[in-house]
PDB file of N, CA and C in Angstrom:
ATOM      1  N   UNK A   1      21.595   0.277 -71.111  1.00  0.00           N
ATOM      2  CA  UNK A   1      23.074  -0.299 -71.661  1.00  0.00           C
ATOM      3  C   UNK A   1      24.366   0.094 -70.290  1.00  0.00           C
ATOM      4  N   UNK A   2      24.267   0.579 -69.949  1.00  0.00           N
ATOM      5  CA  UNK A   2      25.930   1.035 -69.396  1.00  0.00           C
ATOM      6  C   UNK A   2      25.112   0.571 -67.928  1.00  0.00           C
ATOM      7  N   UNK A   3      24.355   0.654 -67.629  1.00  0.00           N
ATOM      8  CA  UNK A   3      23.124   0.240 -66.433  1.00  0.00           C
ATOM      9  C   UNK A   3      23.052  -1.462 -66.582  1.00  0.00           C
ATOM     10  N   UNK A   4      23.312  -1.844 -67.176  1.00  0.00           N
ATOM     11  CA  UNK A   4      22.872  -3.951 -67.374  1.00  0.00           C
ATOM     12  C   UNK A   4      24.871  -3.787 -67.142  1.00  0.00           C
ATOM     13  N   UNK A   5      25.623  -3.071 -67.424  1.00  0.00           N
ATOM     14  CA  UNK A   5      26.696  -3.795 -67.578  1.00  0.00           C
ATOM     15  C   UNK A   5      27.495  -3.364 -66.287  1.00  0.00           C
ATOM     16  N   UNK A   6      26.544  -2.248 -65.360  1.00  0.00           N
ATOM     17  CA  UNK A   6      27.133  -2.203 -64.454  1.00  0.00           C
ATOM     18  C   UNK A   6      26.686  -3.423 -63.079  1.00  0.00           C
ATOM     19  N   UNK A   7      25.237  -3.652 -63.709  1.00  0.00           N
ATOM     20  CA  UNK A   7      24.028  -5.218 -62.627  1.00  0.00           C
ATOM     21  C   UNK A   7      25.307  -5.386 -63.154  1.00  0.00           C
ATOM     22  N   UNK A   8      25.943  -6.016 -63.140  1.00  0.00           N
ATOM     23  CA  UNK A   8      25.921  -7.791 -64.384  1.00  0.00           C
ATOM     24  C   UNK A   8      27.760  -7.716 -63.772  1.00  0.00           C
ATOM     25  N   UNK A   9      28.653  -6.376 -63.381  1.00  0.00           N
ATOM     26  CA  UNK A   9      30.247  -6.264 -62.906  1.00  0.00           C
ATOM     27  C   UNK A   9      29.649  -6.264 -61.458  1.00  0.00           C
ATOM     28  N   UNK A  10      28.439  -5.423 -61.167  1.00  0.00           N
ATOM     29  CA  UNK A  10      27.952  -5.554 -59.509  1.00  0.00           C
ATOM     30  C   UNK A  10      27.812  -7.679 -58.904  1.00  0.00           C
ATOM     31  N   UNK A  11      27.345  -7.854 -59.707  1.00  0.00           N
ATOM     32  CA  UNK A  11      26.526  -9.417 -59.637  1.00  0.00           C
ATOM     33  C   UNK A  11      27.929 -10.801 -59.559  1.00  0.00           C
ATOM     34  N   UNK A  12      29.355 -10.105 -60.555  1.00  0.00           N
ATOM     35  CA  UNK A  12      29.748 -10.656 -61.174  1.00  0.00           C
ATOM     36  C   UNK A  12      31.000 -10.728 -59.875  1.00  0.00           C
ATOM     37  N   UNK A  13      30.997  -9.244 -59.318  1.00  0.00           N
ATOM     38  CA  UNK A  13      32.144  -9.117 -57.594  1.00  0.00           C
ATOM     39  C   UNK A  13      31.797  -9.548 -56.406  1.00  0.00           C
ATOM     40  N   UNK A  14      30.136  -9.480 -56.630  1.00  0.00           N
ATOM     41  CA  UNK A  14      29.292 -10.454 -55.487  1.00  0.00           C
ATOM     42  C   UNK A  14      29.318 -11.651 -55.607  1.00  0.00           C
ATOM     43  N   UNK A  15      29.511 -12.495 -56.688  1.00  0.00           N
ATOM     44  CA  UNK A  15      29.611 -14.487 -57.042  1.00  0.00           C
ATOM     45  C   UNK A  15      31.173 -14.297 -56.262  1.00  0.00           C
ATOM     46  N   UNK A  16      32.844 -13.198 -57.015  1.00  0.00           N
ATOM     47  CA  UNK A  16      33.343 -13.990 -56.848  1.00  0.00           C
ATOM     48  C   UNK A  16      33.929 -13.987 -54.785  1.00  0.00           C
ATOM     49  N   UNK A  17      33.717 -12.295 -53.964  1.00  0.00           N
ATOM     50  CA  UNK A  17      33.769 -12.406 -53.233  1.00  0.00           C
ATOM     51  C   UNK A  17      32.838 -13.527 -52.313  1.00  0.00           C
ATOM     52  N   UNK A  18      32.068 -14.246 -52.503  1.00  0.00           N
ATOM     53  CA  UNK A  18      31.046 -15.548 -51.704  1.00  0.00           C
ATOM     54  C   UNK A  18      32.460 -16.448 -51.773  1.00  0.00           C
ATOM     55  N   UNK A  19      32.414 -16.689 -53.130  1.00  0.00           N
ATOM     56  CA  UNK A  19      33.065 -18.503 -53.927  1.00  0.00           C
ATOM     57  C   UNK A  19      34.807 -18.326 -53.268  1.00  0.00           C
ATOM     58  N   UNK A  20      35.133 -16.434 -52.738  1.00  0.00           N
ATOM     59  CA  UNK A  20      36.656 -16.529 -51.788  1.00  0.00           C
ATOM     60  C   UNK A  20      36.093 -16.782 -50.620  1.00  0.00           C
ATOM     61  N   UNK A  21      35.189 -16.185 -50.273  1.00  0.00           N
ATOM     62  CA  UNK A  21      34.896 -16.650 -48.671  1.00  0.00           C
ATOM     63  C   UNK A  21      34.401 -18.295 -48.909  1.00  0.00           C
ATOM     64  N   UNK A  22      34.321 -18.903 -49.524  1.00  0.00           N
ATOM     65  CA  UNK A  22      33.553 -20.233 -48.267  1.00  0.00           C
ATOM     66  C   UNK A  22      35.104 -20.435 -49.247  1.00  0.00           C
ATOM     67  N   UNK A  23      36.455 -20.925 -49.862  1.00  0.00           N
ATOM     68  CA  UNK A  23      37.117 -21.559 -50.311  1.00  0.00           C
ATOM     69  C   UNK A  23      38.058 -21.303 -48.697  1.00  0.00           C
ATOM     70  N   UNK A  24      37.959 -19.312 -48.887  1.00  0.00           N
ATOM     71  CA  UNK A  24      39.062 -19.325 -47.425  1.00  0.00           C
ATOM     72  C   UNK A  24      38.415 -20.251 -45.796  1.00  0.00           C
ATOM     73  N   UNK A  25      36.840 -20.477 -45.625  1.00  0.00           N
ATOM     74  CA  UNK A  25      36.206 -21.319 -45.487  1.00  0.00           C
ATOM     75  C   UNK A  25      36.795 -22.410 -44.818  1.00  0.00           C
ATOM     76  N   UNK A  26      36.568 -23.009 -45.981  1.00  0.00           N
ATOM     77  CA  UNK A  26      36.823 -24.355 -46.409  1.00  0.00           C
ATOM     78  C   UNK A  26      38.584 -24.895 -45.964  1.00  0.00           C
ATOM     79  N   UNK A  27      39.882 -24.245 -46.677  1.00  0.00           N
ATOM     80  CA  UNK A  27      40.266 -24.043 -45.869  1.00  0.00           C
ATOM     81  C   UNK A  27      40.913 -23.691 -44.053  1.00  0.00           C
ATOM     82  N   UNK A  28      39.949 -23.359 -43.061  1.00  0.00           N
ATOM     83  CA  UNK A  28      40.250 -23.048 -42.022  1.00  0.00           C
ATOM     84  C   UNK A  28      39.349 -23.682 -41.309  1.00  0.00           C
ATOM     85  N   UNK A  29      39.042 -25.353 -42.193  1.00  0.00           N
ATOM     86  CA  UNK A  29      38.086 -25.839 -41.490  1.00  0.00           C
ATOM     87  C   UNK A  29      37.208 -25.362 -41.030  1.00  0.00           C
ATOM     88  N   UNK A  30      36.983 -23.971 -41.524  1.00  0.00           N
ATOM     89  CA  UNK A  30      34.992 -24.133 -41.075  1.00  0.00           C
ATOM     90  C   UNK A  30      34.190 -23.824 -41.459  1.00  0.00           C
ATOM     91  N   UNK A  31      34.492 -24.735 -42.936  1.00  0.00           N
ATOM     92  CA  UNK A  31      33.127 -25.134 -43.745  1.00  0.00           C
ATOM     93  C   UNK A  31      32.761 -26.518 -43.494  1.00  0.00           C
ATOM     94  N   UNK A  32      31.684 -26.535 -44.491  1.00  0.00           N
ATOM     95  CA  UNK A  32      31.038 -28.325 -44.269  1.00  0.00           C
ATOM     96  C   UNK A  32      30.847 -28.673 -45.156  1.00  0.00           C
ATOM     97  N   UNK A  33      31.792 -30.107 -44.989  1.00  0.00           N
ATOM     98  CA  UNK A  33      32.060 -31.256 -45.357  1.00  0.00           C
ATOM     99  C   UNK A  33      31.173 -31.702 -47.061  1.00  0.00           C
ATOM    100  N   UNK A  34      29.728 -31.916 -45.666  1.00  0.00           N
ATOM    101  CA  UNK A  34      29.054 -32.849 -45.888  1.00  0.00           C
ATOM    102  C   UNK A  34      29.244 -34.309 -44.591  1.00  0.00           C
ATOM    103  N   UNK A  35      30.256 -34.109 -44.180  1.00  0.00           N
ATOM    104  CA  UNK A  35      30.302 -35.362 -43.051  1.00  0.00           C
ATOM    105  C   UNK A  35      29.744 -35.012 -41.300  1.00  0.00           C
ATOM    106  N   UNK A  36      28.288 -35.001 -41.100  1.00  0.00           N
ATOM    107  CA  UNK A  36      27.110 -34.815 -40.580  1.00  0.00           C
ATOM    108  C   UNK A  36      27.835 -35.112 -39.007  1.00  0.00           C
ATOM    109  N   UNK A  37      28.996 -36.534 -39.251  1.00  0.00           N
ATOM    110  CA  UNK A  37      29.421 -36.710 -37.584  1.00  0.00           C
ATOM    111  C   UNK A  37      30.656 -36.446 -37.488  1.00  0.00           C
ATOM    112  N   UNK A  38      31.275 -35.253 -38.176  1.00  0.00           N
ATOM    113  CA  UNK A  38      32.516 -34.635 -37.656  1.00  0.00           C
ATOM    114  C   UNK A  38      31.989 -33.681 -36.730  1.00  0.00           C
ATOM    115  N   UNK A  39      30.804 -32.859 -37.080  1.00  0.00           N
ATOM    116  CA  UNK A  39      30.475 -31.110 -36.281  1.00  0.00           C
ATOM    117  C   UNK A  39      29.024 -30.967 -36.111  1.00  0.00           C
ATOM    118  N   UNK A  40      27.712 -32.109 -36.541  1.00  0.00           N
ATOM    119  CA  UNK A  40      26.635 -32.650 -36.238  1.00  0.00           C
ATOM    120  C   UNK A  40      25.736 -31.340 -36.268  1.00  0.00           C
ATOM    121  N   UNK A  41      26.701 -30.917 -37.796  1.00  0.00           N
ATOM    122  CA  UNK A  41      25.827 -29.613 -37.098  1.00  0.00           C
ATOM    123  C   UNK A  41      23.723 -29.289 -38.530  1.00  0.00           C
ATOM    124  N   UNK A  42      23.993 -30.630 -38.869  1.00  0.00           N
ATOM    125  CA  UNK A  42      22.806 -31.304 -39.770  1.00  0.00           C
ATOM    126  C   UNK A  42      21.327 -32.132 -38.624  1.00  0.00           C
ATOM    127  N   UNK A  43      21.616 -32.180 -37.341  1.00  0.00           N
ATOM    128  CA  UNK A  43      21.117 -32.601 -37.030  1.00  0.00           C
ATOM    129  C   UNK A  43      20.644 -31.811 -35.033  1.00  0.00           C
TER     130      UNK A  43
END
């Protein structure tokens, strides 16, 4: 039981960090906005 709660807490923390990182990169203009013509990242 305790192990399950611990694993769930770690997963929630990792997801929060990923979302925070994505939001920071989008605010600074480094994130992909789906417009490949501006960065040519998809080609």
